[in-house]
Amino acid sequence: MSISELVERVSMVYGVNPEALARSTRSGCIAEARSVICFLAVREMGCSGAKVAGVLRMSRAGVSVAAGKGASSFLSDPDLRRKIGVN
């Protein structure tokens, strides 16, 4: 799965516009969706932080911090993996 596919799937699950994920907002659903994308892309799919940062228009450090937050969100919801469709 590509990062753009991941963005589409996660945005559908969280009910947010994929374009909103690239904006610098800290709105609850958008920030959580962005952090789950960072976690999955970097830690599960093996993408570089720089690549994810480019897609989401974040800094590499921001991707790292968000991935840590996304891990707790993702791992605390056992159905999220199924909803997003990642193995």
N, C-alpha and C. Protein backbone atom coordinates (compact mmCIF):
# COMPACT_ATOMS: atom_id res chain seq x y z
N MET A 1 0.84 -1.17 0.00
CA MET A 1 0.00 0.00 0.00
C MET A 1 0.90 1.24 0.00
N SER A 2 0.51 2.23 -0.78
CA SER A 2 1.27 3.47 -0.84
C SER A 2 0.81 4.42 0.28
N ILE A 3 1.60 5.46 0.51
CA ILE A 3 1.22 6.43 1.53
C ILE A 3 -0.08 7.12 1.14
N SER A 4 -0.25 7.42 -0.15
CA SER A 4 -1.48 8.10 -0.56
C SER A 4 -2.71 7.21 -0.34
N GLU A 5 -2.57 5.90 -0.55
CA GLU A 5 -3.68 4.98 -0.25
C GLU A 5 -3.97 4.97 1.24
N LEU A 6 -2.90 4.95 2.04
CA LEU A 6 -3.05 4.96 3.49
C LEU A 6 -3.78 6.22 3.94
N VAL A 7 -3.40 7.36 3.38
CA VAL A 7 -4.05 8.63 3.72
C VAL A 7 -5.54 8.54 3.39
N GLU A 8 -5.88 8.02 2.22
CA GLU A 8 -7.28 7.89 1.81
C GLU A 8 -8.06 7.00 2.79
N ARG A 9 -7.50 5.85 3.12
CA ARG A 9 -8.19 4.90 4.00
C ARG A 9 -8.39 5.45 5.40
N VAL A 10 -7.32 6.04 5.95
CA VAL A 10 -7.42 6.58 7.31
C VAL A 10 -8.39 7.76 7.34
N SER A 11 -8.36 8.60 6.32
CA SER A 11 -9.28 9.75 6.31
C SER A 11 -10.72 9.28 6.22
N MET A 12 -10.99 8.18 5.50
CA MET A 12 -12.35 7.64 5.46
C MET A 12 -12.78 7.13 6.83
N VAL A 13 -11.89 6.40 7.50
CA VAL A 13 -12.22 5.85 8.83
C VAL A 13 -12.50 6.97 9.83
N TYR A 14 -11.71 8.03 9.78
CA TYR A 14 -11.86 9.13 10.73
C TYR A 14 -12.86 10.19 10.25
N GLY A 15 -13.34 10.06 9.02
CA GLY A 15 -14.32 11.01 8.51
C GLY A 15 -13.79 12.40 8.29
N VAL A 16 -12.55 12.50 7.82
CA VAL A 16 -11.95 13.80 7.56
C VAL A 16 -11.54 13.89 6.09
N ASN A 17 -11.43 15.09 5.60
CA ASN A 17 -10.99 15.33 4.23
C ASN A 17 -9.49 15.05 4.15
N PRO A 18 -9.04 14.23 3.19
CA PRO A 18 -7.61 13.95 3.08
C PRO A 18 -6.76 15.21 2.94
N GLU A 19 -7.29 16.23 2.28
CA GLU A 19 -6.54 17.49 2.12
C GLU A 19 -6.34 18.20 3.45
N ALA A 20 -7.26 17.99 4.39
CA ALA A 20 -7.15 18.64 5.70
C ALA A 20 -5.97 18.08 6.49
N LEU A 21 -5.54 16.86 6.16
CA LEU A 21 -4.42 16.25 6.89
C LEU A 21 -3.11 16.96 6.60
N ALA A 22 -3.04 17.67 5.49
CA ALA A 22 -1.81 18.39 5.14
C ALA A 22 -1.82 19.83 5.65
N ARG A 23 -2.89 20.21 6.31
CA ARG A 23 -2.95 21.56 6.89
C ARG A 23 -2.42 21.53 8.31
N SER A 24 -1.92 22.63 8.78
CA SER A 24 -1.36 22.69 10.13
C SER A 24 -2.46 23.01 11.14
N THR A 25 -3.29 22.02 11.40
CA THR A 25 -4.35 22.17 12.38
C THR A 25 -4.17 21.12 13.47
N ARG A 26 -4.64 21.44 14.65
CA ARG A 26 -4.54 20.49 15.76
C ARG A 26 -5.91 19.98 16.17
N SER A 27 -6.88 20.10 15.26
CA SER A 27 -8.23 19.61 15.52
C SER A 27 -8.17 18.12 15.87
N GLY A 28 -8.97 17.70 16.84
CA GLY A 28 -8.92 16.35 17.38
C GLY A 28 -8.87 15.22 16.38
N CYS A 29 -9.89 15.12 15.53
CA CYS A 29 -9.95 14.00 14.57
C CYS A 29 -8.83 14.07 13.55
N ILE A 30 -8.53 15.28 13.09
CA ILE A 30 -7.48 15.43 12.08
C ILE A 30 -6.12 15.07 12.67
N ALA A 31 -5.84 15.56 13.86
CA ALA A 31 -4.56 15.26 14.50
C ALA A 31 -4.41 13.77 14.78
N GLU A 32 -5.48 13.12 15.23
CA GLU A 32 -5.41 11.69 15.51
C GLU A 32 -5.22 10.90 14.22
N ALA A 33 -5.95 11.26 13.18
CA ALA A 33 -5.79 10.57 11.90
C ALA A 33 -4.37 10.73 11.38
N ARG A 34 -3.83 11.95 11.48
CA ARG A 34 -2.47 12.22 11.03
C ARG A 34 -1.46 11.39 11.82
N SER A 35 -1.67 11.26 13.13
CA SER A 35 -0.74 10.49 13.94
C SER A 35 -0.80 8.99 13.62
N VAL A 36 -1.99 8.48 13.32
CA VAL A 36 -2.12 7.08 12.94
C VAL A 36 -1.42 6.84 11.60
N ILE A 37 -1.56 7.78 10.67
CA ILE A 37 -0.87 7.66 9.39
C ILE A 37 0.64 7.63 9.60
N CYS A 38 1.14 8.52 10.44
CA CYS A 38 2.58 8.56 10.71
C CYS A 38 3.06 7.23 11.31
N PHE A 39 2.32 6.72 12.28
CA PHE A 39 2.69 5.45 12.91
C PHE A 39 2.73 4.33 11.88
N LEU A 40 1.65 4.18 11.12
CA LEU A 40 1.57 3.08 10.16
C LEU A 40 2.62 3.21 9.06
N ALA A 41 2.78 4.42 8.54
CA ALA A 41 3.72 4.62 7.44
C ALA A 41 5.16 4.36 7.87
N VAL A 42 5.55 4.91 9.01
CA VAL A 42 6.94 4.81 9.45
C VAL A 42 7.24 3.45 10.09
N ARG A 43 6.41 3.06 11.04
CA ARG A 43 6.75 1.88 11.84
C ARG A 43 6.23 0.57 11.27
N GLU A 44 5.13 0.61 10.53
CA GLU A 44 4.56 -0.63 9.99
C GLU A 44 4.96 -0.85 8.53
N MET A 45 4.97 0.24 7.75
CA MET A 45 5.26 0.10 6.32
C MET A 45 6.73 0.38 5.99
N GLY A 46 7.48 0.93 6.93
CA GLY A 46 8.90 1.18 6.73
C GLY A 46 9.24 2.38 5.87
N CYS A 47 8.32 3.32 5.74
CA CYS A 47 8.60 4.54 4.97
C CYS A 47 9.50 5.46 5.78
N SER A 48 10.24 6.30 5.08
CA SER A 48 11.09 7.25 5.79
C SER A 48 10.25 8.38 6.35
N GLY A 49 10.73 8.93 7.46
CA GLY A 49 10.05 10.07 8.06
C GLY A 49 10.01 11.26 7.11
N ALA A 50 11.05 11.41 6.30
CA ALA A 50 11.11 12.52 5.36
C ALA A 50 10.03 12.38 4.29
N LYS A 51 9.78 11.16 3.84
CA LYS A 51 8.76 10.93 2.82
C LYS A 51 7.37 11.23 3.38
N VAL A 52 7.11 10.76 4.59
CA VAL A 52 5.82 11.01 5.24
C VAL A 52 5.66 12.50 5.51
N ALA A 53 6.74 13.14 5.94
CA ALA A 53 6.71 14.58 6.20
C ALA A 53 6.33 15.36 4.94
N GLY A 54 6.85 14.94 3.81
CA GLY A 54 6.52 15.61 2.55
C GLY A 54 5.06 15.47 2.19
N VAL A 55 4.50 14.29 2.39
CA VAL A 55 3.10 14.05 2.05
C VAL A 55 2.17 14.83 2.97
N LEU A 56 2.47 14.83 4.26
CA LEU A 56 1.59 15.48 5.24
C LEU A 56 1.98 16.93 5.54
N ARG A 57 3.03 17.40 4.89
CA ARG A 57 3.53 18.77 5.07
C ARG A 57 3.84 19.06 6.54
N MET A 58 4.64 18.15 7.11
CA MET A 58 5.09 18.26 8.49
C MET A 58 6.62 18.22 8.50
N SER A 59 7.21 18.49 9.64
CA SER A 59 8.65 18.30 9.78
C SER A 59 8.93 16.83 10.08
N ARG A 60 10.16 16.40 9.86
CA ARG A 60 10.51 15.02 10.19
C ARG A 60 10.37 14.77 11.68
N ALA A 61 10.72 15.75 12.49
CA ALA A 61 10.56 15.62 13.94
C ALA A 61 9.08 15.50 14.31
N GLY A 62 8.25 16.28 13.63
CA GLY A 62 6.81 16.21 13.86
C GLY A 62 6.24 14.84 13.53
N VAL A 63 6.75 14.23 12.47
CA VAL A 63 6.33 12.88 12.08
C VAL A 63 6.70 11.89 13.17
N SER A 64 7.89 12.04 13.71
CA SER A 64 8.35 11.14 14.77
C SER A 64 7.48 11.24 16.02
N VAL A 65 7.19 12.46 16.42
CA VAL A 65 6.33 12.68 17.59
C VAL A 65 4.93 12.14 17.33
N ALA A 66 4.39 12.44 16.14
CA ALA A 66 3.05 11.98 15.80
C ALA A 66 2.98 10.46 15.73
N ALA A 67 4.03 9.81 15.24
CA ALA A 67 4.05 8.35 15.17
C ALA A 67 3.96 7.73 16.56
N GLY A 68 4.61 8.35 17.54
CA GLY A 68 4.50 7.87 18.91
C GLY A 68 3.09 7.98 19.45
N LYS A 69 2.44 9.09 19.15
CA LYS A 69 1.05 9.27 19.58
C LYS A 69 0.12 8.33 18.82
N GLY A 70 0.41 8.14 17.54
CA GLY A 70 -0.40 7.25 16.71
C GLY A 70 -0.32 5.81 17.16
N ALA A 71 0.83 5.42 17.70
CA ALA A 71 0.99 4.05 18.18
C ALA A 71 0.00 3.76 19.29
N SER A 72 -0.15 4.68 20.23
CA SER A 72 -1.08 4.43 21.33
C SER A 72 -2.52 4.43 20.85
N SER A 73 -2.87 5.32 19.91
CA SER A 73 -4.23 5.33 19.36
C SER A 73 -4.51 4.05 18.60
N PHE A 74 -3.58 3.66 17.75
CA PHE A 74 -3.78 2.50 16.90
C PHE A 74 -3.81 1.21 17.70
N LEU A 75 -2.89 1.07 18.63
CA LEU A 75 -2.80 -0.17 19.40
C LEU A 75 -3.90 -0.32 20.44
N SER A 76 -4.53 0.79 20.82
CA SER A 76 -5.61 0.72 21.80
C SER A 76 -6.96 0.37 21.18
N ASP A 77 -7.05 0.40 19.85
CA ASP A 77 -8.29 0.09 19.15
C ASP A 77 -8.08 -1.13 18.25
N PRO A 78 -8.46 -2.32 18.71
CA PRO A 78 -8.18 -3.54 17.94
C PRO A 78 -8.90 -3.59 16.59
N ASP A 79 -10.01 -2.86 16.43
CA ASP A 79 -10.74 -2.88 15.16
C ASP A 79 -10.16 -1.92 14.12
N LEU A 80 -9.30 -1.01 14.56
CA LEU A 80 -8.78 0.00 13.66
C LEU A 80 -7.97 -0.63 12.52
N ARG A 81 -7.18 -1.64 12.80
CA ARG A 81 -6.38 -2.32 11.78
C ARG A 81 -7.30 -2.88 10.68
N ARG A 82 -8.39 -3.49 11.09
CA ARG A 82 -9.34 -4.07 10.13
C ARG A 82 -10.03 -2.97 9.33
N LYS A 83 -10.45 -1.90 10.02
CA LYS A 83 -11.15 -0.80 9.35
C LYS A 83 -10.27 -0.14 8.28
N ILE A 84 -9.00 0.02 8.60
CA ILE A 84 -8.09 0.67 7.66
C ILE A 84 -7.65 -0.32 6.57
N GLY A 85 -7.60 -1.58 6.93
CA GLY A 85 -7.23 -2.60 5.95
C GLY A 85 -5.75 -2.84 5.83
N VAL A 86 -5.04 -2.74 6.95
CA VAL A 86 -3.61 -3.05 6.95
C VAL A 86 -3.41 -4.42 7.60
N ASN A 87 -2.39 -5.11 7.13
CA ASN A 87 -2.13 -6.46 7.68
C ASN A 87 -1.32 -6.42 8.92
